Amino acid sequence: KELEAFTYSVSHDLRAPLRAVDGYAK
């Protein structure tokens, strides 16, 4: 359960900086 929560949290939190990188590149 901890591993699933960690995976979800990390994956979710990575989206914001990734959107910024992709947005500025566009």
PDB file of all heavy atoms in Angstrom:
ATOM      1  N   LYS A   1       0.833  -1.211   0.000  1.00  0.00           N
ATOM      2  CA  LYS A   1       0.000   0.000   0.000  1.00  0.00           C
ATOM      3  C   LYS A   1       0.863   1.255   0.000  1.00  0.00           C
ATOM      4  O   LYS A   1       0.570   2.229  -0.690  1.00  0.00           O
ATOM      5  CB  LYS A   1      -0.931  -0.006   1.212  1.00  0.00           C
ATOM      6  CG  LYS A   1      -2.101  -0.971   1.067  1.00  0.00           C
ATOM      7  CD  LYS A   1      -2.966  -0.986   2.314  1.00  0.00           C
ATOM      8  CE  LYS A   1      -4.115  -1.985   2.157  1.00  0.00           C
ATOM      9  NZ  LYS A   1      -4.932  -2.075   3.390  1.00  0.00           N
ATOM     10  N   GLU A   2       1.931   1.224   0.787  1.00  0.00           N
ATOM     11  CA  GLU A   2       2.850   2.364   0.827  1.00  0.00           C
ATOM     12  C   GLU A   2       3.523   2.569  -0.524  1.00  0.00           C
ATOM     13  O   GLU A   2       3.706   3.706  -0.984  1.00  0.00           O
ATOM     14  CB  GLU A   2       3.905   2.150   1.911  1.00  0.00           C
ATOM     15  CG  GLU A   2       3.366   2.293   3.331  1.00  0.00           C
ATOM     16  CD  GLU A   2       4.414   1.972   4.380  1.00  0.00           C
ATOM     17  OE1 GLU A   2       5.483   1.438   4.013  1.00  0.00           O
ATOM     18  OE2 GLU A   2       4.168   2.261   5.569  1.00  0.00           O
ATOM     19  N   LEU A   3       3.893   1.452  -1.156  1.00  0.00           N
ATOM     20  CA  LEU A   3       4.551   1.522  -2.464  1.00  0.00           C
ATOM     21  C   LEU A   3       3.611   2.081  -3.525  1.00  0.00           C
ATOM     22  O   LEU A   3       4.003   2.911  -4.349  1.00  0.00           O
ATOM     23  CB  LEU A   3       5.028   0.119  -2.868  1.00  0.00           C
ATOM     24  CG  LEU A   3       6.088   0.016  -3.961  1.00  0.00           C
ATOM     25  CD1 LEU A   3       7.350   0.765  -3.568  1.00  0.00           C
ATOM     26  CD2 LEU A   3       6.410  -1.444  -4.251  1.00  0.00           C
ATOM     27  N   GLU A   4       2.343   1.640  -3.489  1.00  0.00           N
ATOM     28  CA  GLU A   4       1.347   2.150  -4.433  1.00  0.00           C
ATOM     29  C   GLU A   4       1.110   3.643  -4.221  1.00  0.00           C
ATOM     30  O   GLU A   4       1.023   4.405  -5.188  1.00  0.00           O
ATOM     31  CB  GLU A   4       0.034   1.376  -4.264  1.00  0.00           C
ATOM     32  CG  GLU A   4       0.076  -0.033  -4.852  1.00  0.00           C
ATOM     33  CD  GLU A   4      -1.147  -0.848  -4.479  1.00  0.00           C
ATOM     34  OE1 GLU A   4      -2.076  -0.282  -3.875  1.00  0.00           O
ATOM     35  OE2 GLU A   4      -1.170  -2.052  -4.787  1.00  0.00           O
ATOM     36  N   ALA A   5       1.020   4.051  -2.957  1.00  0.00           N
ATOM     37  CA  ALA A   5       0.810   5.469  -2.638  1.00  0.00           C
ATOM     38  C   ALA A   5       1.998   6.308  -3.089  1.00  0.00           C
ATOM     39  O   ALA A   5       1.830   7.402  -3.644  1.00  0.00           O
ATOM     40  CB  ALA A   5       0.587   5.642  -1.136  1.00  0.00           C
ATOM     41  N   PHE A   6       3.185   5.774  -2.871  1.00  0.00           N
ATOM     42  CA  PHE A   6       4.406   6.486  -3.274  1.00  0.00           C
ATOM     43  C   PHE A   6       4.468   6.631  -4.798  1.00  0.00           C
ATOM     44  O   PHE A   6       4.745   7.718  -5.321  1.00  0.00           O
ATOM     45  CB  PHE A   6       5.633   5.725  -2.769  1.00  0.00           C
ATOM     46  CG  PHE A   6       6.947   6.278  -3.281  1.00  0.00           C
ATOM     47  CD1 PHE A   6       7.486   7.439  -2.739  1.00  0.00           C
ATOM     48  CD2 PHE A   6       7.641   5.628  -4.300  1.00  0.00           C
ATOM     49  CE1 PHE A   6       8.691   7.943  -3.202  1.00  0.00           C
ATOM     50  CE2 PHE A   6       8.844   6.133  -4.770  1.00  0.00           C
ATOM     51  CZ  PHE A   6       9.364   7.300  -4.220  1.00  0.00           C
ATOM     52  N   THR A   7       4.197   5.545  -5.500  1.00  0.00           N
ATOM     53  CA  THR A   7       4.220   5.560  -6.969  1.00  0.00           C
ATOM     54  C   THR A   7       3.217   6.561  -7.516  1.00  0.00           C
ATOM     55  O   THR A   7       3.526   7.339  -8.416  1.00  0.00           O
ATOM     56  CB  THR A   7       3.898   4.155  -7.528  1.00  0.00           C
ATOM     57  OG1 THR A   7       4.815   3.219  -6.993  1.00  0.00           O
ATOM     58  CG2 THR A   7       4.011   4.140  -9.052  1.00  0.00           C
ATOM     59  N   TYR A   8       2.000   6.550  -6.957  1.00  0.00           N
ATOM     60  CA  TYR A   8       0.962   7.476  -7.408  1.00  0.00           C
ATOM     61  C   TYR A   8       1.379   8.920  -7.141  1.00  0.00           C
ATOM     62  O   TYR A   8       1.242   9.792  -8.004  1.00  0.00           O
ATOM     63  CB  TYR A   8      -0.355   7.170  -6.700  1.00  0.00           C
ATOM     64  CG  TYR A   8      -1.492   8.074  -7.135  1.00  0.00           C
ATOM     65  CD1 TYR A   8      -2.234   7.780  -8.275  1.00  0.00           C
ATOM     66  CD2 TYR A   8      -1.798   9.228  -6.422  1.00  0.00           C
ATOM     67  CE1 TYR A   8      -3.261   8.609  -8.691  1.00  0.00           C
ATOM     68  CE2 TYR A   8      -2.819  10.064  -6.835  1.00  0.00           C
ATOM     69  CZ  TYR A   8      -3.545   9.743  -7.959  1.00  0.00           C
ATOM     70  OH  TYR A   8      -4.559  10.572  -8.377  1.00  0.00           O
ATOM     71  N   SER A   9       1.912   9.169  -5.931  1.00  0.00           N
ATOM     72  CA  SER A   9       2.306  10.522  -5.543  1.00  0.00           C
ATOM     73  C   SER A   9       3.420  11.053  -6.438  1.00  0.00           C
ATOM     74  O   SER A   9       3.347  12.184  -6.937  1.00  0.00           O
ATOM     75  CB  SER A   9       2.759  10.529  -4.081  1.00  0.00           C
ATOM     76  OG  SER A   9       3.194  11.811  -3.717  1.00  0.00           O
ATOM     77  N   VAL A  10       4.448  10.233  -6.647  1.00  0.00           N
ATOM     78  CA  VAL A  10       5.580  10.654  -7.485  1.00  0.00           C
ATOM     79  C   VAL A  10       5.113  10.931  -8.913  1.00  0.00           C
ATOM     80  O   VAL A  10       5.447  11.960  -9.510  1.00  0.00           O
ATOM     81  CB  VAL A  10       6.694   9.585  -7.476  1.00  0.00           C
ATOM     82  CG1 VAL A  10       7.743   9.889  -8.537  1.00  0.00           C
ATOM     83  CG2 VAL A  10       7.365   9.533  -6.106  1.00  0.00           C
ATOM     84  N   SER A  11       4.320  10.002  -9.454  1.00  0.00           N
ATOM     85  CA  SER A  11       3.840  10.163 -10.830  1.00  0.00           C
ATOM     86  C   SER A  11       2.989  11.412 -10.980  1.00  0.00           C
ATOM     87  O   SER A  11       3.120  12.166 -11.947  1.00  0.00           O
ATOM     88  CB  SER A  11       3.033   8.929 -11.258  1.00  0.00           C
ATOM     89  OG  SER A  11       3.808   7.776 -11.169  1.00  0.00           O
ATOM     90  N   HIS A  12       2.114  11.638  -9.996  1.00  0.00           N
ATOM     91  CA  HIS A  12       1.226  12.799 -10.029  1.00  0.00           C
ATOM     92  C   HIS A  12       2.024  14.100  -9.918  1.00  0.00           C
ATOM     93  O   HIS A  12       1.790  15.066 -10.639  1.00  0.00           O
ATOM     94  CB  HIS A  12       0.204  12.689  -8.897  1.00  0.00           C
ATOM     95  CG  HIS A  12      -0.879  13.704  -8.959  1.00  0.00           C
ATOM     96  ND1 HIS A  12      -0.793  14.918  -8.319  1.00  0.00           N
ATOM     97  CD2 HIS A  12      -2.063  13.708  -9.624  1.00  0.00           C
ATOM     98  CE1 HIS A  12      -1.882  15.612  -8.563  1.00  0.00           C
ATOM     99  NE2 HIS A  12      -2.680  14.912  -9.346  1.00  0.00           N
ATOM    100  N   ASP A  13       2.999  14.136  -9.003  1.00  0.00           N
ATOM    101  CA  ASP A  13       3.786  15.353  -8.770  1.00  0.00           C
ATOM    102  C   ASP A  13       4.733  15.675  -9.931  1.00  0.00           C
ATOM    103  O   ASP A  13       5.165  16.832 -10.076  1.00  0.00           O
ATOM    104  CB  ASP A  13       4.605  15.211  -7.480  1.00  0.00           C
ATOM    105  CG  ASP A  13       3.708  15.211  -6.246  1.00  0.00           C
ATOM    106  OD1 ASP A  13       2.533  15.595  -6.384  1.00  0.00           O
ATOM    107  OD2 ASP A  13       4.175  14.805  -5.170  1.00  0.00           O
ATOM    108  N   LEU A  14       5.056  14.681 -10.745  1.00  0.00           N
ATOM    109  CA  LEU A  14       5.945  14.909 -11.886  1.00  0.00           C
ATOM    110  C   LEU A  14       5.237  15.628 -13.028  1.00  0.00           C
ATOM    111  O   LEU A  14       5.891  16.219 -13.888  1.00  0.00           O
ATOM    112  CB  LEU A  14       6.503  13.576 -12.413  1.00  0.00           C
ATOM    113  CG  LEU A  14       7.634  12.932 -11.605  1.00  0.00           C
ATOM    114  CD1 LEU A  14       7.929  11.544 -12.148  1.00  0.00           C
ATOM    115  CD2 LEU A  14       8.895  13.782 -11.672  1.00  0.00           C
ATOM    116  N   ARG A  15       3.914  15.595 -13.019  1.00  0.00           N
ATOM    117  CA  ARG A  15       3.160  16.155 -14.148  1.00  0.00           C
ATOM    118  C   ARG A  15       3.339  17.672 -14.282  1.00  0.00           C
ATOM    119  O   ARG A  15       3.477  18.184 -15.392  1.00  0.00           O
ATOM    120  CB  ARG A  15       1.676  15.829 -14.009  1.00  0.00           C
ATOM    121  CG  ARG A  15       1.360  14.380 -14.298  1.00  0.00           C
ATOM    122  CD  ARG A  15      -0.139  14.163 -14.354  1.00  0.00           C
ATOM    123  NE  ARG A  15      -0.456  12.790 -14.654  1.00  0.00           N
ATOM    124  CZ  ARG A  15      -0.464  12.268 -15.874  1.00  0.00           C
ATOM    125  NH1 ARG A  15      -0.137  13.017 -16.905  1.00  0.00           N
ATOM    126  NH2 ARG A  15      -0.785  11.008 -16.070  1.00  0.00           N
ATOM    127  N   ALA A  16       3.324  18.401 -13.148  1.00  0.00           N
ATOM    128  CA  ALA A  16       3.406  19.867 -13.198  1.00  0.00           C
ATOM    129  C   ALA A  16       4.705  20.368 -13.834  1.00  0.00           C
ATOM    130  O   ALA A  16       4.659  21.151 -14.806  1.00  0.00           O
ATOM    131  CB  ALA A  16       3.232  20.451 -11.798  1.00  0.00           C
ATOM    132  N   PRO A  17       5.888  19.935 -13.377  1.00  0.00           N
ATOM    133  CA  PRO A  17       7.121  20.403 -14.031  1.00  0.00           C
ATOM    134  C   PRO A  17       7.232  19.932 -15.476  1.00  0.00           C
ATOM    135  O   PRO A  17       7.786  20.638 -16.320  1.00  0.00           O
ATOM    136  CB  PRO A  17       8.245  19.811 -13.175  1.00  0.00           C
ATOM    137  CG  PRO A  17       7.620  18.727 -12.378  1.00  0.00           C
ATOM    138  CD  PRO A  17       6.205  19.108 -12.181  1.00  0.00           C
ATOM    139  N   LEU A  18       6.675  18.757 -15.768  1.00  0.00           N
ATOM    140  CA  LEU A  18       6.727  18.246 -17.141  1.00  0.00           C
ATOM    141  C   LEU A  18       5.875  19.106 -18.073  1.00  0.00           C
ATOM    142  O   LEU A  18       6.286  19.423 -19.192  1.00  0.00           O
ATOM    143  CB  LEU A  18       6.235  16.799 -17.172  1.00  0.00           C
ATOM    144  CG  LEU A  18       6.312  16.099 -18.526  1.00  0.00           C
ATOM    145  CD1 LEU A  18       7.765  15.977 -18.981  1.00  0.00           C
ATOM    146  CD2 LEU A  18       5.675  14.723 -18.445  1.00  0.00           C
ATOM    147  N   ARG A  19       4.701  19.517 -17.586  1.00  0.00           N
ATOM    148  CA  ARG A  19       3.841  20.406 -18.380  1.00  0.00           C
ATOM    149  C   ARG A  19       4.539  21.736 -18.647  1.00  0.00           C
ATOM    150  O   ARG A  19       4.418  22.314 -19.731  1.00  0.00           O
ATOM    151  CB  ARG A  19       2.512  20.634 -17.661  1.00  0.00           C
ATOM    152  CG  ARG A  19       1.492  19.538 -17.851  1.00  0.00           C
ATOM    153  CD  ARG A  19       0.097  19.993 -17.451  1.00  0.00           C
ATOM    154  NE  ARG A  19       0.017  20.310 -16.031  1.00  0.00           N
ATOM    155  CZ  ARG A  19      -0.380  19.446 -15.097  1.00  0.00           C
ATOM    156  NH1 ARG A  19      -0.724  18.228 -15.436  1.00  0.00           N
ATOM    157  NH2 ARG A  19      -0.439  19.814 -13.839  1.00  0.00           N
ATOM    158  N   ALA A  20       5.292  22.218 -17.634  1.00  0.00           N
ATOM    159  CA  ALA A  20       6.020  23.481 -17.800  1.00  0.00           C
ATOM    160  C   ALA A  20       7.097  23.350 -18.872  1.00  0.00           C
ATOM    161  O   ALA A  20       7.236  24.219 -19.740  1.00  0.00           O
ATOM    162  CB  ALA A  20       6.649  23.897 -16.468  1.00  0.00           C
ATOM    163  N   VAL A  21       7.861  22.264 -18.832  1.00  0.00           N
ATOM    164  CA  VAL A  21       8.921  22.022 -19.836  1.00  0.00           C
ATOM    165  C   VAL A  21       8.320  21.971 -21.230  1.00  0.00           C
ATOM    166  O   VAL A  21       8.789  22.627 -22.169  1.00  0.00           O
ATOM    167  CB  VAL A  21       9.673  20.709 -19.526  1.00  0.00           C
ATOM    168  CG1 VAL A  21      10.604  20.341 -20.678  1.00  0.00           C
ATOM    169  CG2 VAL A  21      10.486  20.842 -18.237  1.00  0.00           C
ATOM    170  N   ASP A  22       7.247  21.189 -21.374  1.00  0.00           N
ATOM    171  CA  ASP A  22       6.602  21.027 -22.678  1.00  0.00           C
ATOM    172  C   ASP A  22       5.985  22.346 -23.147  1.00  0.00           C
ATOM    173  O   ASP A  22       6.082  22.715 -24.322  1.00  0.00           O
ATOM    174  CB  ASP A  22       5.524  19.936 -22.580  1.00  0.00           C
ATOM    175  CG  ASP A  22       4.991  19.540 -23.947  1.00  0.00           C
ATOM    176  OD1 ASP A  22       5.802  19.396 -24.887  1.00  0.00           O
ATOM    177  OD2 ASP A  22       3.765  19.379 -24.083  1.00  0.00           O
ATOM    178  N   GLY A  23       5.371  23.079 -22.216  1.00  0.00           N
ATOM    179  CA  GLY A  23       4.734  24.353 -22.569  1.00  0.00           C
ATOM    180  C   GLY A  23       5.725  25.396 -23.047  1.00  0.00           C
ATOM    181  O   GLY A  23       5.504  26.056 -24.073  1.00  0.00           O
ATOM    182  N   TYR A  24       6.839  25.550 -22.336  1.00  0.00           N
ATOM    183  CA  TYR A  24       7.854  26.518 -22.738  1.00  0.00           C
ATOM    184  C   TYR A  24       8.522  26.116 -24.052  1.00  0.00           C
ATOM    185  O   TYR A  24       8.868  26.983 -24.879  1.00  0.00           O
ATOM    186  CB  TYR A  24       8.901  26.684 -21.638  1.00  0.00           C
ATOM    187  CG  TYR A  24       8.431  27.559 -20.500  1.00  0.00           C
ATOM    188  CD1 TYR A  24       8.303  27.053 -19.208  1.00  0.00           C
ATOM    189  CD2 TYR A  24       8.096  28.886 -20.717  1.00  0.00           C
ATOM    190  CE1 TYR A  24       7.859  27.849 -18.159  1.00  0.00           C
ATOM    191  CE2 TYR A  24       7.649  29.698 -19.675  1.00  0.00           C
ATOM    192  CZ  TYR A  24       7.530  29.176 -18.408  1.00  0.00           C
ATOM    193  OH  TYR A  24       7.083  29.977 -17.378  1.00  0.00           O
ATOM    194  N   ALA A  25       8.671  24.823 -24.261  1.00  0.00           N
ATOM    195  CA  ALA A  25       9.254  24.352 -25.523  1.00  0.00           C
ATOM    196  C   ALA A  25       8.346  24.731 -26.701  1.00  0.00           C
ATOM    197  O   ALA A  25       8.833  25.144 -27.761  1.00  0.00           O
ATOM    198  CB  ALA A  25       9.461  22.837 -25.478  1.00  0.00           C
ATOM    199  N   LYS A  26       7.030  24.622 -26.492  1.00  0.00           N
ATOM    200  CA  LYS A  26       6.083  24.998 -27.553  1.00  0.00           C
ATOM    201  C   LYS A  26       6.108  26.504 -27.816  1.00  0.00           C
ATOM    202  O   LYS A  26       5.991  26.943 -28.970  1.00  0.00           O
ATOM    203  CB  LYS A  26       4.667  24.555 -27.165  1.00  0.00           C
ATOM    204  CG  LYS A  26       4.451  23.054 -27.328  1.00  0.00           C
ATOM    205  CD  LYS A  26       3.064  22.641 -26.885  1.00  0.00           C
ATOM    206  CE  LYS A  26       2.886  21.135 -27.046  1.00  0.00           C
ATOM    207  NZ  LYS A  26       1.586  20.675 -26.484  1.00  0.00           N
TER     208      LYS A  26
END
